[in-house]
Amino acid sequence: TGEGDGQATDGIATAFELAGMDLRGTDLVVLSACETGLGEVEAGEGVLGLRRAFEMAGAETVVMSLWKVPDDATAALMGAFYGALADGRGKAEALRLAAASVRAEERWAHPYWWAAFVLAGDAE
């Protein structure tokens, strides 16, 4: 890729670069790292961040986190999420079931461990 063509050259993709990609037909993007659902509020523009960039690129649904998420709880949640998707559940239902699965473990009962993840876009 070249400089100025809207594509990452350093292995790090910015929201600007992502927004310039053609992701039409991409059903689901999962951003399981910390605070991937946050963005900057720009006057007249709303919140600019990864979620909006993927939406502009054409992705139908984005799952992202709103705060720092512990690795072990996130791994359990994502395993349950993908398992529910593989069982034919809709995206929103799969995320709800995954959160319930993590929440059922006593050590992860507090919402801090499982409620950081939200879904934007097509829930089915």
N, C-alpha and C. Protein backbone atom coordinates (compact mmCIF):
# COMPACT_ATOMS: atom_id res chain seq x y z
N THR A 1 0.84 -1.19 0.00
CA THR A 1 0.00 0.00 0.00
C THR A 1 0.87 1.23 0.00
N GLY A 2 0.32 2.30 -0.47
CA GLY A 2 1.10 3.52 -0.55
C GLY A 2 0.54 4.61 0.33
N GLU A 3 1.38 5.57 0.59
CA GLU A 3 0.96 6.70 1.41
C GLU A 3 -0.10 7.49 0.66
N GLY A 4 -1.17 7.87 1.40
CA GLY A 4 -2.21 8.68 0.78
C GLY A 4 -3.31 7.88 0.11
N ASP A 5 -3.20 6.55 0.07
CA ASP A 5 -4.24 5.76 -0.59
C ASP A 5 -5.31 5.27 0.38
N GLY A 6 -5.27 5.76 1.63
CA GLY A 6 -6.29 5.40 2.61
C GLY A 6 -6.09 4.06 3.27
N GLN A 7 -4.92 3.44 3.10
CA GLN A 7 -4.67 2.13 3.69
C GLN A 7 -3.47 2.19 4.61
N ALA A 8 -3.54 1.42 5.69
CA ALA A 8 -2.47 1.41 6.68
C ALA A 8 -1.18 0.88 6.09
N THR A 9 -0.07 1.52 6.42
CA THR A 9 1.23 1.04 5.97
C THR A 9 2.09 0.62 7.15
N ASP A 10 1.65 0.93 8.37
CA ASP A 10 2.46 0.65 9.55
C ASP A 10 1.87 -0.46 10.42
N GLY A 11 0.84 -1.13 9.94
CA GLY A 11 0.21 -2.20 10.72
C GLY A 11 -0.85 -1.70 11.67
N ILE A 12 -1.04 -0.40 11.76
CA ILE A 12 -2.06 0.18 12.62
C ILE A 12 -3.05 0.91 11.73
N ALA A 13 -4.30 0.50 11.82
CA ALA A 13 -5.35 1.13 11.01
C ALA A 13 -6.05 2.20 11.83
N THR A 14 -6.14 3.38 11.28
CA THR A 14 -6.86 4.47 11.95
C THR A 14 -8.31 4.45 11.50
N ALA A 15 -9.14 5.16 12.25
CA ALA A 15 -10.55 5.28 11.87
C ALA A 15 -10.66 5.89 10.47
N PHE A 16 -9.82 6.85 10.16
CA PHE A 16 -9.83 7.48 8.84
C PHE A 16 -9.54 6.45 7.75
N GLU A 17 -8.52 5.62 7.97
CA GLU A 17 -8.16 4.60 7.00
C GLU A 17 -9.27 3.55 6.86
N LEU A 18 -9.85 3.14 7.99
CA LEU A 18 -10.92 2.15 7.95
C LEU A 18 -12.14 2.67 7.19
N ALA A 19 -12.48 3.93 7.41
CA ALA A 19 -13.64 4.52 6.75
C ALA A 19 -13.48 4.51 5.23
N GLY A 20 -12.24 4.54 4.75
CA GLY A 20 -11.97 4.53 3.31
C GLY A 20 -11.96 3.15 2.68
N MET A 21 -12.08 2.10 3.49
CA MET A 21 -12.07 0.74 2.95
C MET A 21 -13.45 0.37 2.44
N ASP A 22 -13.51 -0.61 1.58
CA ASP A 22 -14.79 -1.13 1.09
C ASP A 22 -15.09 -2.42 1.84
N LEU A 23 -15.92 -2.31 2.85
CA LEU A 23 -16.30 -3.48 3.65
C LEU A 23 -17.76 -3.85 3.43
N ARG A 24 -18.33 -3.40 2.31
CA ARG A 24 -19.70 -3.81 1.99
C ARG A 24 -19.75 -5.33 1.93
N GLY A 25 -20.79 -5.89 2.52
CA GLY A 25 -20.92 -7.33 2.58
C GLY A 25 -20.30 -7.94 3.82
N THR A 26 -19.61 -7.13 4.64
CA THR A 26 -19.06 -7.61 5.89
C THR A 26 -20.18 -7.64 6.91
N ASP A 27 -20.54 -8.82 7.36
CA ASP A 27 -21.67 -9.00 8.26
C ASP A 27 -21.36 -8.57 9.68
N LEU A 28 -20.16 -8.88 10.17
CA LEU A 28 -19.85 -8.66 11.58
C LEU A 28 -18.38 -8.32 11.78
N VAL A 29 -18.14 -7.25 12.52
CA VAL A 29 -16.80 -6.88 12.95
C VAL A 29 -16.82 -6.94 14.47
N VAL A 30 -15.86 -7.65 15.07
CA VAL A 30 -15.77 -7.74 16.53
C VAL A 30 -14.46 -7.10 16.96
N LEU A 31 -14.60 -6.09 17.83
CA LEU A 31 -13.45 -5.37 18.36
C LEU A 31 -13.40 -5.68 19.85
N SER A 32 -12.66 -6.71 20.22
CA SER A 32 -12.70 -7.20 21.60
C SER A 32 -11.64 -6.57 22.49
N ALA A 33 -10.87 -5.65 21.97
CA ALA A 33 -9.87 -4.97 22.80
C ALA A 33 -10.53 -3.90 23.67
N CYS A 34 -9.75 -3.29 24.52
CA CYS A 34 -10.27 -2.29 25.46
C CYS A 34 -10.72 -1.01 24.77
N GLU A 35 -11.87 -0.53 25.20
CA GLU A 35 -12.39 0.78 24.82
C GLU A 35 -12.52 1.00 23.32
N THR A 36 -12.80 -0.05 22.56
CA THR A 36 -12.90 0.07 21.11
C THR A 36 -14.17 0.79 20.66
N GLY A 37 -15.14 0.94 21.56
CA GLY A 37 -16.37 1.62 21.21
C GLY A 37 -16.36 3.10 21.54
N LEU A 38 -15.26 3.59 22.06
CA LEU A 38 -15.17 5.01 22.40
C LEU A 38 -14.71 5.81 21.20
N GLY A 39 -14.95 7.08 21.23
CA GLY A 39 -14.53 7.95 20.16
C GLY A 39 -14.45 9.38 20.65
N GLU A 40 -14.15 10.27 19.75
CA GLU A 40 -14.06 11.68 20.09
C GLU A 40 -15.30 12.39 19.58
N VAL A 41 -15.84 13.28 20.40
CA VAL A 41 -17.00 14.06 20.01
C VAL A 41 -16.51 15.28 19.24
N GLU A 42 -16.99 15.41 18.01
CA GLU A 42 -16.63 16.54 17.17
C GLU A 42 -17.88 17.37 16.90
N ALA A 43 -17.80 18.67 17.12
CA ALA A 43 -18.94 19.55 16.91
C ALA A 43 -19.46 19.41 15.48
N GLY A 44 -20.75 19.17 15.37
CA GLY A 44 -21.37 19.04 14.06
C GLY A 44 -21.18 17.69 13.40
N GLU A 45 -20.36 16.82 13.97
CA GLU A 45 -20.06 15.53 13.38
C GLU A 45 -20.56 14.36 14.22
N GLY A 46 -20.74 14.58 15.52
CA GLY A 46 -21.10 13.49 16.41
C GLY A 46 -19.85 12.80 16.92
N VAL A 47 -19.98 11.52 17.26
CA VAL A 47 -18.85 10.77 17.80
C VAL A 47 -18.08 10.13 16.65
N LEU A 48 -16.80 10.43 16.57
CA LEU A 48 -15.93 9.84 15.56
C LEU A 48 -15.09 8.77 16.23
N GLY A 49 -15.12 7.57 15.69
CA GLY A 49 -14.34 6.48 16.26
C GLY A 49 -14.40 5.26 15.35
N LEU A 50 -13.96 4.13 15.88
CA LEU A 50 -13.91 2.90 15.08
C LEU A 50 -15.29 2.43 14.64
N ARG A 51 -16.28 2.53 15.53
CA ARG A 51 -17.62 2.09 15.16
C ARG A 51 -18.12 2.84 13.94
N ARG A 52 -18.00 4.14 13.98
CA ARG A 52 -18.46 4.94 12.85
C ARG A 52 -17.64 4.66 11.60
N ALA A 53 -16.35 4.46 11.76
CA ALA A 53 -15.49 4.17 10.60
C ALA A 53 -15.91 2.86 9.93
N PHE A 54 -16.16 1.83 10.72
CA PHE A 54 -16.60 0.56 10.13
C PHE A 54 -17.97 0.70 9.47
N GLU A 55 -18.84 1.49 10.08
CA GLU A 55 -20.16 1.74 9.49
C GLU A 55 -20.02 2.45 8.15
N MET A 56 -19.17 3.48 8.10
CA MET A 56 -18.94 4.21 6.85
C MET A 56 -18.34 3.31 5.78
N ALA A 57 -17.52 2.34 6.19
CA ALA A 57 -16.89 1.42 5.24
C ALA A 57 -17.87 0.37 4.72
N GLY A 58 -19.01 0.21 5.40
CA GLY A 58 -20.02 -0.72 4.92
C GLY A 58 -20.27 -1.94 5.78
N ALA A 59 -19.58 -2.08 6.90
CA ALA A 59 -19.83 -3.23 7.78
C ALA A 59 -21.23 -3.11 8.37
N GLU A 60 -21.94 -4.23 8.43
CA GLU A 60 -23.33 -4.22 8.91
C GLU A 60 -23.45 -4.13 10.42
N THR A 61 -22.55 -4.78 11.15
CA THR A 61 -22.64 -4.83 12.60
C THR A 61 -21.25 -4.75 13.22
N VAL A 62 -21.15 -4.03 14.32
CA VAL A 62 -19.88 -3.93 15.06
C VAL A 62 -20.17 -4.25 16.52
N VAL A 63 -19.38 -5.14 17.10
CA VAL A 63 -19.39 -5.41 18.53
C VAL A 63 -18.12 -4.79 19.08
N MET A 64 -18.27 -4.01 20.16
CA MET A 64 -17.13 -3.27 20.69
C MET A 64 -17.27 -3.11 22.19
N SER A 65 -16.18 -2.68 22.83
CA SER A 65 -16.19 -2.50 24.28
C SER A 65 -16.16 -1.03 24.65
N LEU A 66 -16.76 -0.72 25.80
CA LEU A 66 -16.86 0.66 26.25
C LEU A 66 -15.89 1.01 27.37
N TRP A 67 -15.20 0.02 27.92
CA TRP A 67 -14.19 0.28 28.95
C TRP A 67 -13.13 -0.79 28.90
N LYS A 68 -12.12 -0.63 29.74
CA LYS A 68 -11.03 -1.60 29.81
C LYS A 68 -11.60 -2.95 30.25
N VAL A 69 -11.31 -3.96 29.49
CA VAL A 69 -11.88 -5.29 29.71
C VAL A 69 -10.79 -6.29 30.06
N PRO A 70 -10.97 -7.06 31.14
CA PRO A 70 -9.98 -8.07 31.52
C PRO A 70 -9.90 -9.21 30.50
N ASP A 71 -8.71 -9.68 30.21
CA ASP A 71 -8.50 -10.70 29.19
C ASP A 71 -9.27 -11.99 29.45
N ASP A 72 -9.24 -12.49 30.68
CA ASP A 72 -9.87 -13.78 30.94
C ASP A 72 -11.39 -13.72 30.79
N ALA A 73 -12.01 -12.69 31.31
CA ALA A 73 -13.46 -12.56 31.17
C ALA A 73 -13.84 -12.31 29.71
N THR A 74 -13.03 -11.53 29.00
CA THR A 74 -13.29 -11.26 27.59
C THR A 74 -13.17 -12.54 26.77
N ALA A 75 -12.17 -13.34 27.04
CA ALA A 75 -12.00 -14.61 26.32
C ALA A 75 -13.21 -15.51 26.54
N ALA A 76 -13.69 -15.58 27.77
CA ALA A 76 -14.87 -16.40 28.06
C ALA A 76 -16.10 -15.86 27.34
N LEU A 77 -16.26 -14.54 27.37
CA LEU A 77 -17.41 -13.93 26.70
C LEU A 77 -17.35 -14.16 25.19
N MET A 78 -16.19 -13.95 24.60
CA MET A 78 -16.08 -14.12 23.14
C MET A 78 -16.26 -15.58 22.74
N GLY A 79 -15.76 -16.51 23.54
CA GLY A 79 -15.98 -17.93 23.24
C GLY A 79 -17.45 -18.27 23.25
N ALA A 80 -18.17 -17.76 24.24
CA ALA A 80 -19.61 -18.01 24.33
C ALA A 80 -20.35 -17.30 23.19
N PHE A 81 -19.92 -16.10 22.84
CA PHE A 81 -20.54 -15.34 21.75
C PHE A 81 -20.42 -16.09 20.43
N TYR A 82 -19.20 -16.49 20.09
CA TYR A 82 -19.00 -17.22 18.83
C TYR A 82 -19.70 -18.58 18.84
N GLY A 83 -19.76 -19.22 20.01
CA GLY A 83 -20.49 -20.47 20.12
C GLY A 83 -21.96 -20.29 19.84
N ALA A 84 -22.55 -19.23 20.38
CA ALA A 84 -23.97 -18.95 20.14
C ALA A 84 -24.23 -18.60 18.68
N LEU A 85 -23.31 -17.86 18.07
CA LEU A 85 -23.45 -17.57 16.63
C LEU A 85 -23.39 -18.86 15.82
N ALA A 86 -22.47 -19.74 16.18
CA ALA A 86 -22.33 -21.02 15.47
C ALA A 86 -23.58 -21.88 15.62
N ASP A 87 -24.30 -21.68 16.73
CA ASP A 87 -25.56 -22.41 16.96
C ASP A 87 -26.74 -21.79 16.23
N GLY A 88 -26.48 -20.72 15.48
CA GLY A 88 -27.54 -20.11 14.69
C GLY A 88 -28.27 -18.96 15.36
N ARG A 89 -27.78 -18.49 16.49
CA ARG A 89 -28.42 -17.36 17.17
C ARG A 89 -28.12 -16.06 16.43
N GLY A 90 -29.02 -15.11 16.55
CA GLY A 90 -28.78 -13.77 16.01
C GLY A 90 -27.67 -13.10 16.80
N LYS A 91 -27.10 -12.06 16.24
CA LYS A 91 -25.95 -11.39 16.86
C LYS A 91 -26.29 -10.82 18.24
N ALA A 92 -27.40 -10.11 18.35
CA ALA A 92 -27.77 -9.52 19.65
C ALA A 92 -28.08 -10.60 20.67
N GLU A 93 -28.79 -11.64 20.25
CA GLU A 93 -29.10 -12.73 21.16
C GLU A 93 -27.82 -13.45 21.58
N ALA A 94 -26.91 -13.65 20.65
CA ALA A 94 -25.64 -14.31 20.97
C ALA A 94 -24.85 -13.51 21.99
N LEU A 95 -24.83 -12.19 21.85
CA LEU A 95 -24.12 -11.36 22.81
C LEU A 95 -24.81 -11.40 24.18
N ARG A 96 -26.13 -11.38 24.18
CA ARG A 96 -26.87 -11.47 25.44
C ARG A 96 -26.60 -12.79 26.14
N LEU A 97 -26.63 -13.89 25.39
CA LEU A 97 -26.36 -15.20 25.96
C LEU A 97 -24.92 -15.31 26.47
N ALA A 98 -24.00 -14.72 25.74
CA ALA A 98 -22.60 -14.75 26.17
C ALA A 98 -22.41 -13.98 27.47
N ALA A 99 -23.05 -12.83 27.57
CA ALA A 99 -22.97 -12.05 28.81
C ALA A 99 -23.58 -12.84 29.97
N ALA A 100 -24.69 -13.49 29.72
CA ALA A 100 -25.34 -14.29 30.76
C ALA A 100 -24.44 -15.45 31.19
N SER A 101 -23.74 -16.04 30.25
CA SER A 101 -22.83 -17.14 30.54
C SER A 101 -21.69 -16.68 31.46
N VAL A 102 -21.10 -15.54 31.14
CA VAL A 102 -20.02 -15.00 31.95
C VAL A 102 -20.56 -14.58 33.32
N ARG A 103 -21.69 -13.92 33.31
CA ARG A 103 -22.31 -13.43 34.55
C ARG A 103 -22.66 -14.57 35.51
N ALA A 104 -22.91 -15.75 34.98
CA ALA A 104 -23.29 -16.90 35.80
C ALA A 104 -22.14 -17.41 36.67
N GLU A 105 -20.91 -17.07 36.28
CA GLU A 105 -19.76 -17.47 37.10
C GLU A 105 -19.62 -16.46 38.24
N GLU A 106 -19.56 -16.95 39.46
CA GLU A 106 -19.54 -16.08 40.63
C GLU A 106 -18.45 -15.01 40.56
N ARG A 107 -17.26 -15.38 40.10
CA ARG A 107 -16.15 -14.42 40.07
C ARG A 107 -16.38 -13.30 39.06
N TRP A 108 -17.30 -13.51 38.10
CA TRP A 108 -17.57 -12.51 37.08
C TRP A 108 -19.01 -12.00 37.13
N ALA A 109 -19.66 -12.10 38.26
CA ALA A 109 -21.06 -11.71 38.37
C ALA A 109 -21.27 -10.19 38.21
N HIS A 110 -20.29 -9.40 38.62
CA HIS A 110 -20.43 -7.94 38.54
C HIS A 110 -20.41 -7.51 37.06
N PRO A 111 -21.24 -6.53 36.69
CA PRO A 111 -21.29 -6.06 35.29
C PRO A 111 -19.95 -5.60 34.71
N TYR A 112 -19.03 -5.19 35.55
CA TYR A 112 -17.71 -4.78 35.07
C TYR A 112 -17.10 -5.83 34.15
N TRP A 113 -17.33 -7.09 34.44
CA TRP A 113 -16.68 -8.19 33.73
C TRP A 113 -17.33 -8.50 32.39
N TRP A 114 -18.61 -8.19 32.20
CA TRP A 114 -19.30 -8.65 30.99
C TRP A 114 -20.11 -7.57 30.27
N ALA A 115 -20.39 -6.44 30.92
CA ALA A 115 -21.29 -5.45 30.32
C ALA A 115 -20.61 -4.42 29.44
N ALA A 116 -19.31 -4.50 29.28
CA ALA A 116 -18.60 -3.51 28.46
C ALA A 116 -18.93 -3.66 26.98
N PHE A 117 -19.39 -4.84 26.57
CA PHE A 117 -19.58 -5.09 25.15
C PHE A 117 -20.98 -4.73 24.68
N VAL A 118 -21.02 -3.97 23.59
CA VAL A 118 -22.27 -3.54 22.99
C VAL A 118 -22.25 -3.83 21.50
N LEU A 119 -23.41 -3.86 20.92
CA LEU A 119 -23.55 -4.16 19.50
C LEU A 119 -24.20 -2.97 18.83
N ALA A 120 -23.68 -2.56 17.69
CA ALA A 120 -24.27 -1.49 16.89
C ALA A 120 -24.50 -2.03 15.48
N GLY A 121 -25.68 -1.78 14.96
CA GLY A 121 -26.00 -2.22 13.60
C GLY A 121 -27.06 -3.28 13.59
N ASP A 122 -26.97 -4.17 12.62
CA ASP A 122 -27.96 -5.24 12.43
C ASP A 122 -27.85 -6.29 13.53
N ALA A 123 -28.91 -6.42 14.32
CA ALA A 123 -28.89 -7.32 15.48
C ALA A 123 -29.10 -8.77 15.09
N GLU A 124 -29.59 -9.03 13.93
CA GLU A 124 -29.87 -10.40 13.51
C GLU A 124 -28.67 -10.99 12.82
